[in-house]
Amino acid sequence: MQLTSEMGIPDPKALAVQLSVLLDGASAAALVFRDTSGAAHARVAAEILMDAALATAPVVVGT
């Protein structure tokens, strides 16, 4: 959750939980199906989740 907070995401806890569920699902699928290709799909899904979260983050201009 620290990383999502540092990224300026409005609801860092929600994103952290979503990414956690995604990781758990990919890990479980790898164990059950003995196939790690789900990790690549999980990465794409994680990128989509992060992009969506960042799209709703407030823009900070200058310091």
N, C-alpha and C. Protein backbone atom coordinates (compact mmCIF):
# COMPACT_ATOMS: atom_id res chain seq x y z
N MET A 1 0.81 -1.18 0.00
CA MET A 1 0.00 0.00 0.00
C MET A 1 0.87 1.26 0.00
N GLN A 2 2.06 1.16 0.49
CA GLN A 2 2.95 2.33 0.52
C GLN A 2 3.21 2.84 -0.89
N LEU A 3 3.48 1.92 -1.82
CA LEU A 3 3.76 2.33 -3.20
C LEU A 3 2.56 3.04 -3.81
N THR A 4 1.36 2.48 -3.62
CA THR A 4 0.18 3.11 -4.20
C THR A 4 -0.08 4.47 -3.57
N SER A 5 0.24 4.63 -2.30
CA SER A 5 0.09 5.94 -1.65
C SER A 5 1.07 6.95 -2.24
N GLU A 6 2.29 6.52 -2.46
CA GLU A 6 3.33 7.40 -3.00
C GLU A 6 3.02 7.82 -4.43
N MET A 7 2.24 7.02 -5.14
CA MET A 7 1.89 7.33 -6.53
C MET A 7 0.81 8.41 -6.61
N GLY A 8 0.23 8.79 -5.47
CA GLY A 8 -0.79 9.82 -5.46
C GLY A 8 -2.17 9.31 -5.87
N ILE A 9 -2.39 8.03 -5.72
CA ILE A 9 -3.66 7.43 -6.10
C ILE A 9 -4.71 7.78 -5.04
N PRO A 10 -5.90 8.20 -5.49
CA PRO A 10 -6.93 8.64 -4.55
C PRO A 10 -7.33 7.58 -3.51
N ASP A 11 -7.38 6.32 -3.89
CA ASP A 11 -7.76 5.26 -2.96
C ASP A 11 -6.69 4.17 -2.99
N PRO A 12 -5.55 4.43 -2.36
CA PRO A 12 -4.43 3.49 -2.45
C PRO A 12 -4.74 2.12 -1.85
N LYS A 13 -5.57 2.09 -0.81
CA LYS A 13 -5.90 0.80 -0.20
C LYS A 13 -6.67 -0.08 -1.17
N ALA A 14 -7.61 0.50 -1.89
CA ALA A 14 -8.40 -0.28 -2.86
C ALA A 14 -7.50 -0.87 -3.94
N LEU A 15 -6.59 -0.06 -4.47
CA LEU A 15 -5.68 -0.57 -5.51
C LEU A 15 -4.77 -1.65 -4.95
N ALA A 16 -4.28 -1.46 -3.75
CA ALA A 16 -3.41 -2.46 -3.13
C ALA A 16 -4.16 -3.79 -2.97
N VAL A 17 -5.41 -3.73 -2.56
CA VAL A 17 -6.21 -4.96 -2.42
C VAL A 17 -6.44 -5.59 -3.79
N GLN A 18 -6.76 -4.79 -4.79
CA GLN A 18 -6.98 -5.32 -6.14
C GLN A 18 -5.73 -6.02 -6.67
N LEU A 19 -4.59 -5.39 -6.50
CA LEU A 19 -3.34 -5.99 -6.97
C LEU A 19 -3.01 -7.26 -6.19
N SER A 20 -3.33 -7.27 -4.92
CA SER A 20 -3.11 -8.45 -4.07
C SER A 20 -3.96 -9.62 -4.54
N VAL A 21 -5.23 -9.35 -4.82
CA VAL A 21 -6.14 -10.39 -5.30
C VAL A 21 -5.64 -10.93 -6.64
N LEU A 22 -5.19 -10.04 -7.49
CA LEU A 22 -4.66 -10.44 -8.80
C LEU A 22 -3.44 -11.34 -8.64
N LEU A 23 -2.53 -10.97 -7.75
CA LEU A 23 -1.34 -11.77 -7.49
C LEU A 23 -1.69 -13.13 -6.92
N ASP A 24 -2.61 -13.14 -5.96
CA ASP A 24 -3.04 -14.41 -5.36
C ASP A 24 -3.67 -15.32 -6.41
N GLY A 25 -4.49 -14.75 -7.27
CA GLY A 25 -5.14 -15.54 -8.32
C GLY A 25 -4.13 -16.12 -9.30
N ALA A 26 -3.17 -15.33 -9.71
CA ALA A 26 -2.15 -15.80 -10.64
C ALA A 26 -1.30 -16.90 -9.99
N SER A 27 -0.99 -16.73 -8.71
CA SER A 27 -0.20 -17.75 -8.00
C SER A 27 -0.99 -19.05 -7.86
N ALA A 28 -2.27 -18.93 -7.51
CA ALA A 28 -3.10 -20.13 -7.36
C ALA A 28 -3.25 -20.84 -8.69
N ALA A 29 -3.47 -20.09 -9.76
CA ALA A 29 -3.61 -20.70 -11.08
C ALA A 29 -2.33 -21.44 -11.49
N ALA A 30 -1.19 -20.84 -11.18
CA ALA A 30 0.09 -21.49 -11.51
C ALA A 30 0.23 -22.82 -10.77
N LEU A 31 -0.19 -22.84 -9.51
CA LEU A 31 -0.11 -24.08 -8.73
C LEU A 31 -1.09 -25.14 -9.22
N VAL A 32 -2.32 -24.73 -9.48
CA VAL A 32 -3.37 -25.68 -9.89
C VAL A 32 -3.11 -26.23 -11.28
N PHE A 33 -2.78 -25.33 -12.21
CA PHE A 33 -2.63 -25.75 -13.61
C PHE A 33 -1.20 -26.06 -14.01
N ARG A 34 -0.26 -25.85 -13.08
CA ARG A 34 1.16 -26.07 -13.37
C ARG A 34 1.59 -25.34 -14.65
N ASP A 35 1.16 -24.09 -14.69
CA ASP A 35 1.41 -23.26 -15.87
C ASP A 35 1.53 -21.81 -15.40
N THR A 36 2.64 -21.21 -15.66
CA THR A 36 2.88 -19.85 -15.17
C THR A 36 2.50 -18.78 -16.19
N SER A 37 1.88 -19.16 -17.30
CA SER A 37 1.54 -18.16 -18.31
C SER A 37 0.51 -17.16 -17.80
N GLY A 38 -0.23 -17.52 -16.77
CA GLY A 38 -1.19 -16.59 -16.19
C GLY A 38 -0.52 -15.35 -15.62
N ALA A 39 0.74 -15.46 -15.27
CA ALA A 39 1.47 -14.31 -14.72
C ALA A 39 1.54 -13.17 -15.74
N ALA A 40 1.72 -13.50 -17.01
CA ALA A 40 1.78 -12.47 -18.05
C ALA A 40 0.43 -11.77 -18.17
N HIS A 41 -0.64 -12.53 -18.07
CA HIS A 41 -1.98 -11.94 -18.12
C HIS A 41 -2.24 -11.08 -16.88
N ALA A 42 -1.76 -11.54 -15.74
CA ALA A 42 -1.92 -10.78 -14.50
C ALA A 42 -1.16 -9.46 -14.58
N ARG A 43 -0.02 -9.48 -15.22
CA ARG A 43 0.77 -8.24 -15.36
C ARG A 43 0.01 -7.22 -16.19
N VAL A 44 -0.58 -7.68 -17.29
CA VAL A 44 -1.37 -6.78 -18.15
C VAL A 44 -2.54 -6.22 -17.36
N ALA A 45 -3.22 -7.08 -16.61
CA ALA A 45 -4.36 -6.63 -15.79
C ALA A 45 -3.89 -5.63 -14.74
N ALA A 46 -2.74 -5.86 -14.14
CA ALA A 46 -2.20 -4.94 -13.13
C ALA A 46 -1.90 -3.58 -13.76
N GLU A 47 -1.35 -3.58 -14.95
CA GLU A 47 -1.07 -2.32 -15.64
C GLU A 47 -2.36 -1.55 -15.91
N ILE A 48 -3.41 -2.27 -16.30
CA ILE A 48 -4.70 -1.63 -16.55
C ILE A 48 -5.25 -1.03 -15.26
N LEU A 49 -5.17 -1.79 -14.17
CA LEU A 49 -5.65 -1.28 -12.88
C LEU A 49 -4.88 -0.03 -12.46
N MET A 50 -3.56 -0.06 -12.62
CA MET A 50 -2.75 1.09 -12.21
C MET A 50 -3.02 2.30 -13.11
N ASP A 51 -3.13 2.06 -14.42
CA ASP A 51 -3.44 3.17 -15.33
C ASP A 51 -4.78 3.81 -14.99
N ALA A 52 -5.77 2.98 -14.69
CA ALA A 52 -7.10 3.50 -14.34
C ALA A 52 -7.03 4.29 -13.05
N ALA A 53 -6.28 3.80 -12.07
CA ALA A 53 -6.16 4.51 -10.80
C ALA A 53 -5.42 5.83 -10.98
N LEU A 54 -4.40 5.83 -11.80
CA LEU A 54 -3.64 7.06 -12.04
C LEU A 54 -4.45 8.08 -12.83
N ALA A 55 -5.35 7.60 -13.68
CA ALA A 55 -6.18 8.50 -14.48
C ALA A 55 -7.12 9.31 -13.60
N THR A 56 -7.44 8.77 -12.43
CA THR A 56 -8.33 9.49 -11.52
C THR A 56 -7.56 10.27 -10.45
N ALA A 57 -6.24 10.16 -10.47
CA ALA A 57 -5.42 10.86 -9.47
C ALA A 57 -5.34 12.34 -9.81
N PRO A 58 -5.31 13.19 -8.81
CA PRO A 58 -5.17 14.64 -9.08
C PRO A 58 -3.80 14.94 -9.67
N VAL A 59 -3.75 15.88 -10.56
CA VAL A 59 -2.49 16.27 -11.20
C VAL A 59 -1.85 17.36 -10.35
N VAL A 60 -0.56 17.17 -10.02
CA VAL A 60 0.19 18.15 -9.23
C VAL A 60 1.16 18.84 -10.18
N VAL A 61 1.05 20.17 -10.29
CA VAL A 61 1.89 20.92 -11.20
C VAL A 61 2.84 21.80 -10.41
N GLY A 62 4.12 21.67 -10.74
CA GLY A 62 5.14 22.51 -10.12
C GLY A 62 5.28 22.34 -8.63
N THR A 63 6.37 22.90 -8.09
CA THR A 63 6.61 22.88 -6.64
C THR A 63 7.07 24.22 -6.15
